[in-house]
Amino acid sequence: MRISKKRRQELIKKIIHEKKISNQFQIVEELQKYGVKAVQPTIARDLKEIGAVKVMDESGNYVYKLLDEAPVIDPWKELKRNFKAFVEGIDKAGNLIVIKTVPGTASGIARVIDRLNLEEIVGTLAGDDTIFVAVRDASLCDELLKKLSTIL
């Protein structure tokens, strides 16, 4: 059945609120139960538009939550958990710190790094399994690399 984008996004919010959803394909399956056909790329756009993020639940699993429902967690504590579980390596290149992660986890870890609000970090760019951390000045790169490496 074809429904409006607004209605589909309302259903996605309902699904996220009622169930522990850990990936976009689960949302596709849940929507099918309502007779709604959707593909993963559409779900990815919808999640971004409605402000859904992946957060670690009390069991240590990542699940989707709406930003206004996501628990506030100390970003350093969350970064430490993420680094220990998902980071495979860390290096530097000029004024960039390059973090290699388990596939599919880079954007969530980059979001946590952004939440640290460190003056020396200009921003992050994440792919599937790689994060580039842009450091304001190359002279600060070694110090930040050391700080992040100690978390591993």
N, C-alpha and C. Protein backbone atom coordinates (compact mmCIF):
# COMPACT_ATOMS: atom_id res chain seq x y z
N MET A 1 0.84 -1.17 0.00
CA MET A 1 0.00 0.00 0.00
C MET A 1 0.90 1.24 0.00
N ARG A 2 0.49 2.23 -0.77
CA ARG A 2 1.22 3.50 -0.81
C ARG A 2 0.60 4.44 0.20
N ILE A 3 1.45 5.05 1.01
CA ILE A 3 0.99 6.04 1.97
C ILE A 3 1.87 7.27 1.85
N SER A 4 1.43 8.32 2.47
CA SER A 4 2.22 9.56 2.39
C SER A 4 3.51 9.41 3.20
N LYS A 5 4.46 10.24 2.85
CA LYS A 5 5.74 10.25 3.58
C LYS A 5 5.49 10.56 5.05
N LYS A 6 4.62 11.52 5.31
CA LYS A 6 4.31 11.90 6.70
C LYS A 6 3.76 10.72 7.48
N ARG A 7 2.84 9.98 6.89
CA ARG A 7 2.23 8.83 7.57
C ARG A 7 3.28 7.73 7.80
N ARG A 8 4.14 7.49 6.78
CA ARG A 8 5.19 6.49 6.93
C ARG A 8 6.12 6.86 8.09
N GLN A 9 6.49 8.13 8.16
CA GLN A 9 7.38 8.57 9.23
C GLN A 9 6.70 8.48 10.59
N GLU A 10 5.39 8.71 10.65
CA GLU A 10 4.67 8.54 11.92
C GLU A 10 4.70 7.07 12.34
N LEU A 11 4.54 6.17 11.37
CA LEU A 11 4.61 4.73 11.68
C LEU A 11 6.00 4.34 12.16
N ILE A 12 7.02 4.90 11.54
CA ILE A 12 8.39 4.60 11.96
C ILE A 12 8.61 5.06 13.39
N LYS A 13 8.13 6.25 13.74
CA LYS A 13 8.25 6.74 15.12
C LYS A 13 7.56 5.79 16.08
N LYS A 14 6.37 5.33 15.71
CA LYS A 14 5.61 4.40 16.55
C LYS A 14 6.38 3.10 16.74
N ILE A 15 6.96 2.58 15.66
CA ILE A 15 7.72 1.33 15.72
C ILE A 15 8.93 1.50 16.63
N ILE A 16 9.66 2.60 16.46
CA ILE A 16 10.85 2.85 17.27
C ILE A 16 10.47 2.99 18.75
N HIS A 17 9.36 3.63 18.99
CA HIS A 17 8.92 3.84 20.37
C HIS A 17 8.49 2.52 21.04
N GLU A 18 7.88 1.63 20.28
CA GLU A 18 7.31 0.41 20.84
C GLU A 18 8.26 -0.79 20.85
N LYS A 19 9.25 -0.81 19.97
CA LYS A 19 10.11 -1.98 19.83
C LYS A 19 11.57 -1.59 19.89
N LYS A 20 12.41 -2.57 20.18
CA LYS A 20 13.86 -2.37 20.14
C LYS A 20 14.30 -2.66 18.71
N ILE A 21 14.56 -1.61 17.99
CA ILE A 21 14.94 -1.72 16.58
C ILE A 21 16.42 -1.42 16.45
N SER A 22 17.18 -2.38 15.93
CA SER A 22 18.63 -2.18 15.84
C SER A 22 19.13 -1.95 14.42
N ASN A 23 18.26 -2.16 13.41
CA ASN A 23 18.70 -1.88 12.04
C ASN A 23 17.52 -1.49 11.17
N GLN A 24 17.84 -0.91 10.03
CA GLN A 24 16.82 -0.37 9.14
C GLN A 24 15.96 -1.46 8.51
N PHE A 25 16.52 -2.65 8.32
CA PHE A 25 15.75 -3.72 7.71
C PHE A 25 14.63 -4.21 8.63
N GLN A 26 14.84 -4.08 9.95
CA GLN A 26 13.76 -4.41 10.89
C GLN A 26 12.59 -3.44 10.71
N ILE A 27 12.89 -2.19 10.41
CA ILE A 27 11.83 -1.22 10.18
C ILE A 27 11.07 -1.57 8.91
N VAL A 28 11.79 -1.97 7.86
CA VAL A 28 11.15 -2.40 6.62
C VAL A 28 10.17 -3.54 6.93
N GLU A 29 10.62 -4.52 7.72
CA GLU A 29 9.77 -5.66 8.08
C GLU A 29 8.56 -5.23 8.90
N GLU A 30 8.77 -4.35 9.86
CA GLU A 30 7.67 -3.87 10.70
C GLU A 30 6.64 -3.10 9.88
N LEU A 31 7.12 -2.28 8.94
CA LEU A 31 6.20 -1.53 8.08
C LEU A 31 5.36 -2.48 7.23
N GLN A 32 5.96 -3.59 6.80
CA GLN A 32 5.22 -4.58 6.01
C GLN A 32 4.03 -5.13 6.78
N LYS A 33 4.17 -5.23 8.11
CA LYS A 33 3.06 -5.71 8.94
C LYS A 33 1.87 -4.75 8.90
N TYR A 34 2.15 -3.47 8.58
CA TYR A 34 1.10 -2.47 8.41
C TYR A 34 0.66 -2.37 6.95
N GLY A 35 1.21 -3.25 6.11
CA GLY A 35 0.89 -3.24 4.69
C GLY A 35 1.61 -2.15 3.91
N VAL A 36 2.69 -1.62 4.49
CA VAL A 36 3.44 -0.54 3.86
C VAL A 36 4.73 -1.09 3.29
N LYS A 37 4.94 -0.84 2.00
CA LYS A 37 6.18 -1.25 1.36
C LYS A 37 7.14 -0.07 1.36
N ALA A 38 8.38 -0.36 1.78
CA ALA A 38 9.42 0.67 1.77
C ALA A 38 10.75 -0.04 1.60
N VAL A 39 11.71 0.67 1.05
CA VAL A 39 13.05 0.11 0.86
C VAL A 39 14.02 0.79 1.82
N GLN A 40 15.14 0.13 2.08
CA GLN A 40 16.10 0.61 3.07
C GLN A 40 16.57 2.04 2.82
N PRO A 41 16.90 2.46 1.59
CA PRO A 41 17.35 3.85 1.41
C PRO A 41 16.28 4.87 1.82
N THR A 42 15.02 4.55 1.59
CA THR A 42 13.93 5.44 2.01
C THR A 42 13.87 5.51 3.53
N ILE A 43 14.03 4.37 4.17
CA ILE A 43 14.02 4.32 5.64
C ILE A 43 15.18 5.14 6.19
N ALA A 44 16.36 5.03 5.58
CA ALA A 44 17.52 5.80 6.03
C ALA A 44 17.23 7.29 5.99
N ARG A 45 16.63 7.77 4.90
CA ARG A 45 16.27 9.20 4.80
C ARG A 45 15.23 9.57 5.85
N ASP A 46 14.23 8.72 6.01
CA ASP A 46 13.18 8.99 7.01
C ASP A 46 13.77 9.09 8.41
N LEU A 47 14.67 8.18 8.76
CA LEU A 47 15.28 8.20 10.10
C LEU A 47 16.02 9.51 10.34
N LYS A 48 16.73 9.96 9.33
CA LYS A 48 17.45 11.22 9.45
C LYS A 48 16.48 12.38 9.63
N GLU A 49 15.42 12.40 8.84
CA GLU A 49 14.45 13.49 8.90
C GLU A 49 13.67 13.55 10.21
N ILE A 50 13.40 12.39 10.81
CA ILE A 50 12.64 12.40 12.07
C ILE A 50 13.53 12.52 13.30
N GLY A 51 14.84 12.55 13.08
CA GLY A 51 15.76 12.73 14.20
C GLY A 51 16.00 11.46 14.99
N ALA A 52 16.01 10.32 14.31
CA ALA A 52 16.29 9.05 15.00
C ALA A 52 17.80 8.81 15.01
N VAL A 53 18.29 8.37 16.15
CA VAL A 53 19.71 8.07 16.30
C VAL A 53 19.86 6.71 16.96
N LYS A 54 21.02 6.10 16.77
CA LYS A 54 21.30 4.84 17.45
C LYS A 54 21.97 5.16 18.77
N VAL A 55 21.45 4.57 19.83
CA VAL A 55 22.03 4.73 21.16
C VAL A 55 22.20 3.35 21.79
N MET A 56 23.10 3.28 22.74
CA MET A 56 23.32 2.03 23.43
C MET A 56 22.25 1.87 24.51
N ASP A 57 21.56 0.73 24.50
CA ASP A 57 20.55 0.50 25.54
C ASP A 57 21.20 -0.11 26.78
N GLU A 58 20.37 -0.43 27.77
CA GLU A 58 20.88 -0.94 29.04
C GLU A 58 21.60 -2.28 28.91
N SER A 59 21.35 -3.01 27.80
CA SER A 59 22.00 -4.30 27.57
C SER A 59 23.29 -4.17 26.77
N GLY A 60 23.62 -2.95 26.37
CA GLY A 60 24.82 -2.73 25.58
C GLY A 60 24.60 -2.88 24.09
N ASN A 61 23.34 -3.01 23.67
CA ASN A 61 23.00 -3.13 22.25
C ASN A 61 22.62 -1.76 21.71
N TYR A 62 22.90 -1.53 20.43
CA TYR A 62 22.51 -0.27 19.81
C TYR A 62 21.11 -0.39 19.24
N VAL A 63 20.26 0.57 19.60
CA VAL A 63 18.88 0.61 19.12
C VAL A 63 18.55 2.04 18.70
N TYR A 64 17.57 2.15 17.81
CA TYR A 64 17.13 3.48 17.39
C TYR A 64 16.25 4.12 18.45
N LYS A 65 16.48 5.41 18.67
CA LYS A 65 15.65 6.23 19.55
C LYS A 65 15.46 7.57 18.85
N LEU A 66 14.38 8.22 19.17
CA LEU A 66 14.19 9.58 18.68
C LEU A 66 15.02 10.50 19.56
N LEU A 67 15.57 11.55 18.98
CA LEU A 67 16.46 12.44 19.73
C LEU A 67 15.86 12.90 21.04
N ASP A 68 14.57 13.20 21.06
CA ASP A 68 13.96 13.68 22.30
C ASP A 68 13.75 12.57 23.33
N GLU A 69 13.94 11.30 22.92
CA GLU A 69 13.80 10.18 23.85
C GLU A 69 15.15 9.57 24.23
N ALA A 70 16.20 9.98 23.54
CA ALA A 70 17.52 9.38 23.78
C ALA A 70 18.05 9.81 25.14
N PRO A 71 18.56 8.86 25.91
CA PRO A 71 19.10 9.21 27.22
C PRO A 71 20.37 10.05 27.09
N VAL A 72 20.58 10.94 28.02
CA VAL A 72 21.78 11.76 28.02
C VAL A 72 22.87 10.98 28.76
N ILE A 73 23.93 10.66 28.04
CA ILE A 73 25.02 9.87 28.59
C ILE A 73 26.29 10.71 28.50
N ASP A 74 27.14 10.60 29.50
CA ASP A 74 28.42 11.29 29.47
C ASP A 74 29.16 10.85 28.21
N PRO A 75 29.49 11.80 27.31
CA PRO A 75 30.12 11.41 26.04
C PRO A 75 31.46 10.71 26.20
N TRP A 76 32.25 11.04 27.23
CA TRP A 76 33.54 10.37 27.44
C TRP A 76 33.31 8.90 27.81
N LYS A 77 32.31 8.66 28.64
CA LYS A 77 31.99 7.29 29.04
C LYS A 77 31.49 6.49 27.83
N GLU A 78 30.64 7.13 27.03
CA GLU A 78 30.13 6.47 25.83
C GLU A 78 31.25 6.23 24.82
N LEU A 79 32.16 7.20 24.67
CA LEU A 79 33.28 7.04 23.74
C LEU A 79 34.16 5.88 24.17
N LYS A 80 34.43 5.77 25.45
CA LYS A 80 35.27 4.69 25.97
C LYS A 80 34.63 3.33 25.64
N ARG A 81 33.32 3.21 25.86
CA ARG A 81 32.62 1.96 25.55
C ARG A 81 32.70 1.64 24.05
N ASN A 82 32.45 2.67 23.24
CA ASN A 82 32.49 2.49 21.79
C ASN A 82 33.88 2.12 21.29
N PHE A 83 34.90 2.79 21.81
CA PHE A 83 36.27 2.51 21.39
C PHE A 83 36.64 1.07 21.72
N LYS A 84 36.34 0.64 22.93
CA LYS A 84 36.71 -0.72 23.34
C LYS A 84 35.97 -1.77 22.50
N ALA A 85 34.73 -1.48 22.14
CA ALA A 85 33.93 -2.46 21.41
C ALA A 85 34.13 -2.43 19.90
N PHE A 86 34.36 -1.24 19.31
CA PHE A 86 34.27 -1.13 17.86
C PHE A 86 35.48 -0.56 17.13
N VAL A 87 36.44 0.02 17.85
CA VAL A 87 37.58 0.63 17.16
C VAL A 87 38.69 -0.40 16.97
N GLU A 88 39.16 -0.50 15.73
CA GLU A 88 40.21 -1.46 15.40
C GLU A 88 41.58 -0.82 15.32
N GLY A 89 41.65 0.50 15.12
CA GLY A 89 42.94 1.16 15.03
C GLY A 89 42.78 2.66 14.93
N ILE A 90 43.87 3.36 15.24
CA ILE A 90 43.86 4.81 15.21
C ILE A 90 45.24 5.30 14.77
N ASP A 91 45.25 6.29 13.88
CA ASP A 91 46.50 6.80 13.35
C ASP A 91 46.30 8.27 13.01
N LYS A 92 47.34 8.92 12.51
CA LYS A 92 47.20 10.32 12.11
C LYS A 92 47.83 10.53 10.75
N ALA A 93 47.34 11.58 10.09
CA ALA A 93 47.86 11.98 8.78
C ALA A 93 47.74 13.50 8.72
N GLY A 94 48.85 14.19 8.91
CA GLY A 94 48.81 15.66 8.93
C GLY A 94 48.01 16.14 10.12
N ASN A 95 46.95 16.91 9.84
CA ASN A 95 46.11 17.37 10.93
C ASN A 95 44.82 16.55 11.05
N LEU A 96 44.86 15.32 10.51
CA LEU A 96 43.71 14.42 10.62
C LEU A 96 44.06 13.23 11.50
N ILE A 97 43.11 12.83 12.32
CA ILE A 97 43.22 11.56 13.03
C ILE A 97 42.29 10.61 12.31
N VAL A 98 42.81 9.44 11.98
CA VAL A 98 42.05 8.44 11.23
C VAL A 98 41.74 7.28 12.16
N ILE A 99 40.46 7.02 12.33
CA ILE A 99 40.01 5.95 13.23
C ILE A 99 39.34 4.87 12.39
N LYS A 100 39.86 3.64 12.45
CA LYS A 100 39.28 2.50 11.75
C LYS A 100 38.37 1.76 12.72
N THR A 101 37.14 1.47 12.27
CA THR A 101 36.15 0.83 13.14
C THR A 101 35.61 -0.45 12.50
N VAL A 102 34.86 -1.16 13.28
CA VAL A 102 34.09 -2.29 12.77
C VAL A 102 33.09 -1.72 11.76
N PRO A 103 32.87 -2.39 10.63
CA PRO A 103 31.93 -1.86 9.63
C PRO A 103 30.56 -1.52 10.23
N GLY A 104 30.06 -0.36 9.82
CA GLY A 104 28.72 0.08 10.23
C GLY A 104 28.68 0.89 11.52
N THR A 105 29.84 1.11 12.15
CA THR A 105 29.83 1.80 13.45
C THR A 105 30.46 3.18 13.42
N ALA A 106 31.07 3.57 12.31
CA ALA A 106 31.83 4.83 12.27
C ALA A 106 30.97 6.05 12.55
N SER A 107 29.79 6.15 11.95
CA SER A 107 29.00 7.38 12.13
C SER A 107 28.54 7.56 13.57
N GLY A 108 28.18 6.48 14.24
CA GLY A 108 27.78 6.59 15.64
C GLY A 108 28.91 7.05 16.53
N ILE A 109 30.11 6.53 16.28
CA ILE A 109 31.27 6.93 17.08
C ILE A 109 31.65 8.38 16.77
N ALA A 110 31.56 8.76 15.49
CA ALA A 110 31.87 10.16 15.12
C ALA A 110 30.90 11.12 15.82
N ARG A 111 29.65 10.73 15.92
CA ARG A 111 28.66 11.57 16.60
C ARG A 111 29.05 11.78 18.06
N VAL A 112 29.55 10.73 18.70
CA VAL A 112 29.99 10.85 20.10
C VAL A 112 31.20 11.78 20.20
N ILE A 113 32.14 11.64 19.27
CA ILE A 113 33.32 12.52 19.26
C ILE A 113 32.88 13.97 19.11
N ASP A 114 31.92 14.22 18.22
CA ASP A 114 31.40 15.58 18.05
C ASP A 114 30.79 16.12 19.35
N ARG A 115 30.12 15.24 20.09
CA ARG A 115 29.47 15.66 21.34
C ARG A 115 30.47 16.01 22.44
N LEU A 116 31.73 15.62 22.27
CA LEU A 116 32.75 15.97 23.26
C LEU A 116 33.01 17.48 23.30
N ASN A 117 32.72 18.15 22.17
CA ASN A 117 32.93 19.60 22.05
C ASN A 117 34.34 20.02 22.43
N LEU A 118 35.32 19.29 21.92
CA LEU A 118 36.72 19.64 22.19
C LEU A 118 37.15 20.77 21.26
N GLU A 119 37.80 21.77 21.82
CA GLU A 119 38.24 22.93 21.05
C GLU A 119 39.17 22.55 19.91
N GLU A 120 40.01 21.55 20.12
CA GLU A 120 40.99 21.19 19.10
C GLU A 120 40.37 20.45 17.91
N ILE A 121 39.13 20.00 18.03
CA ILE A 121 38.48 19.29 16.94
C ILE A 121 37.58 20.24 16.17
N VAL A 122 37.83 20.33 14.85
CA VAL A 122 37.00 21.16 13.98
C VAL A 122 35.73 20.40 13.61
N GLY A 123 35.86 19.10 13.37
CA GLY A 123 34.71 18.28 13.00
C GLY A 123 35.15 16.88 12.64
N THR A 124 34.16 16.05 12.33
CA THR A 124 34.43 14.67 11.96
C THR A 124 33.72 14.36 10.64
N LEU A 125 34.23 13.36 9.95
CA LEU A 125 33.62 12.86 8.73
C LEU A 125 33.69 11.34 8.83
N ALA A 126 32.53 10.69 8.72
CA ALA A 126 32.50 9.24 8.90
C ALA A 126 31.95 8.54 7.67
N GLY A 127 32.59 7.43 7.35
CA GLY A 127 32.08 6.53 6.33
C GLY A 127 31.49 5.33 7.04
N ASP A 128 31.63 4.17 6.45
CA ASP A 128 31.11 2.94 7.05
C ASP A 128 32.01 2.43 8.16
N ASP A 129 33.33 2.47 7.91
CA ASP A 129 34.26 1.91 8.89
C ASP A 129 35.47 2.80 9.13
N THR A 130 35.37 4.07 8.74
CA THR A 130 36.49 4.99 8.92
C THR A 130 35.97 6.36 9.35
N ILE A 131 36.67 6.96 10.30
CA ILE A 131 36.34 8.31 10.76
C ILE A 131 37.56 9.19 10.55
N PHE A 132 37.36 10.35 9.95
CA PHE A 132 38.40 11.38 9.87
C PHE A 132 38.04 12.44 10.90
N VAL A 133 38.95 12.71 11.80
CA VAL A 133 38.76 13.76 12.81
C VAL A 133 39.68 14.91 12.40
N ALA A 134 39.08 16.02 12.01
CA ALA A 134 39.88 17.19 11.59
C ALA A 134 40.29 17.96 12.84
N VAL A 135 41.61 18.09 13.02
CA VAL A 135 42.15 18.78 14.18
C VAL A 135 42.53 20.20 13.75
N ARG A 136 42.16 21.16 14.57
CA ARG A 136 42.35 22.58 14.26
C ARG A 136 43.78 22.92 13.85
N ASP A 137 44.75 22.34 14.52
CA ASP A 137 46.14 22.65 14.26
C ASP A 137 46.94 21.35 14.33
N ALA A 138 47.82 21.14 13.37
CA ALA A 138 48.61 19.91 13.32
C ALA A 138 49.41 19.69 14.60
N SER A 139 49.80 20.78 15.27
CA SER A 139 50.58 20.64 16.50
C SER A 139 49.76 20.02 17.64
N LEU A 140 48.44 20.08 17.54
CA LEU A 140 47.56 19.49 18.57
C LEU A 140 47.23 18.03 18.27
N CYS A 141 47.58 17.60 17.08
CA CYS A 141 47.20 16.27 16.62
C CYS A 141 47.82 15.16 17.48
N ASP A 142 49.11 15.27 17.77
CA ASP A 142 49.79 14.23 18.57
C ASP A 142 49.16 14.10 19.96
N GLU A 143 48.88 15.24 20.57
CA GLU A 143 48.28 15.23 21.92
C GLU A 143 46.89 14.58 21.90
N LEU A 144 46.08 14.94 20.90
CA LEU A 144 44.74 14.35 20.80
C LEU A 144 44.82 12.87 20.46
N LEU A 145 45.76 12.50 19.58
CA LEU A 145 45.94 11.09 19.24
C LEU A 145 46.29 10.29 20.48
N LYS A 146 47.16 10.83 21.31
CA LYS A 146 47.55 10.15 22.54
C LYS A 146 46.34 9.99 23.47
N LYS A 147 45.56 11.06 23.60
CA LYS A 147 44.37 11.03 24.46
C LYS A 147 43.37 9.97 23.99
N LEU A 148 43.13 9.92 22.68
CA LEU A 148 42.19 8.94 22.14
C LEU A 148 42.76 7.53 22.18
N SER A 149 44.05 7.38 21.96
CA SER A 149 44.68 6.05 21.98
C SER A 149 44.63 5.40 23.36
N THR A 150 44.68 6.22 24.41
CA THR A 150 44.65 5.65 25.76
C THR A 150 43.28 5.01 26.07
N ILE A 151 42.27 5.41 25.33
CA ILE A 151 40.93 4.82 25.54
C ILE A 151 40.89 3.38 25.05
N LEU A 152 41.66 3.11 23.99
CA LEU A 152 41.68 1.74 23.43
C LEU A 152 42.13 0.79 24.48
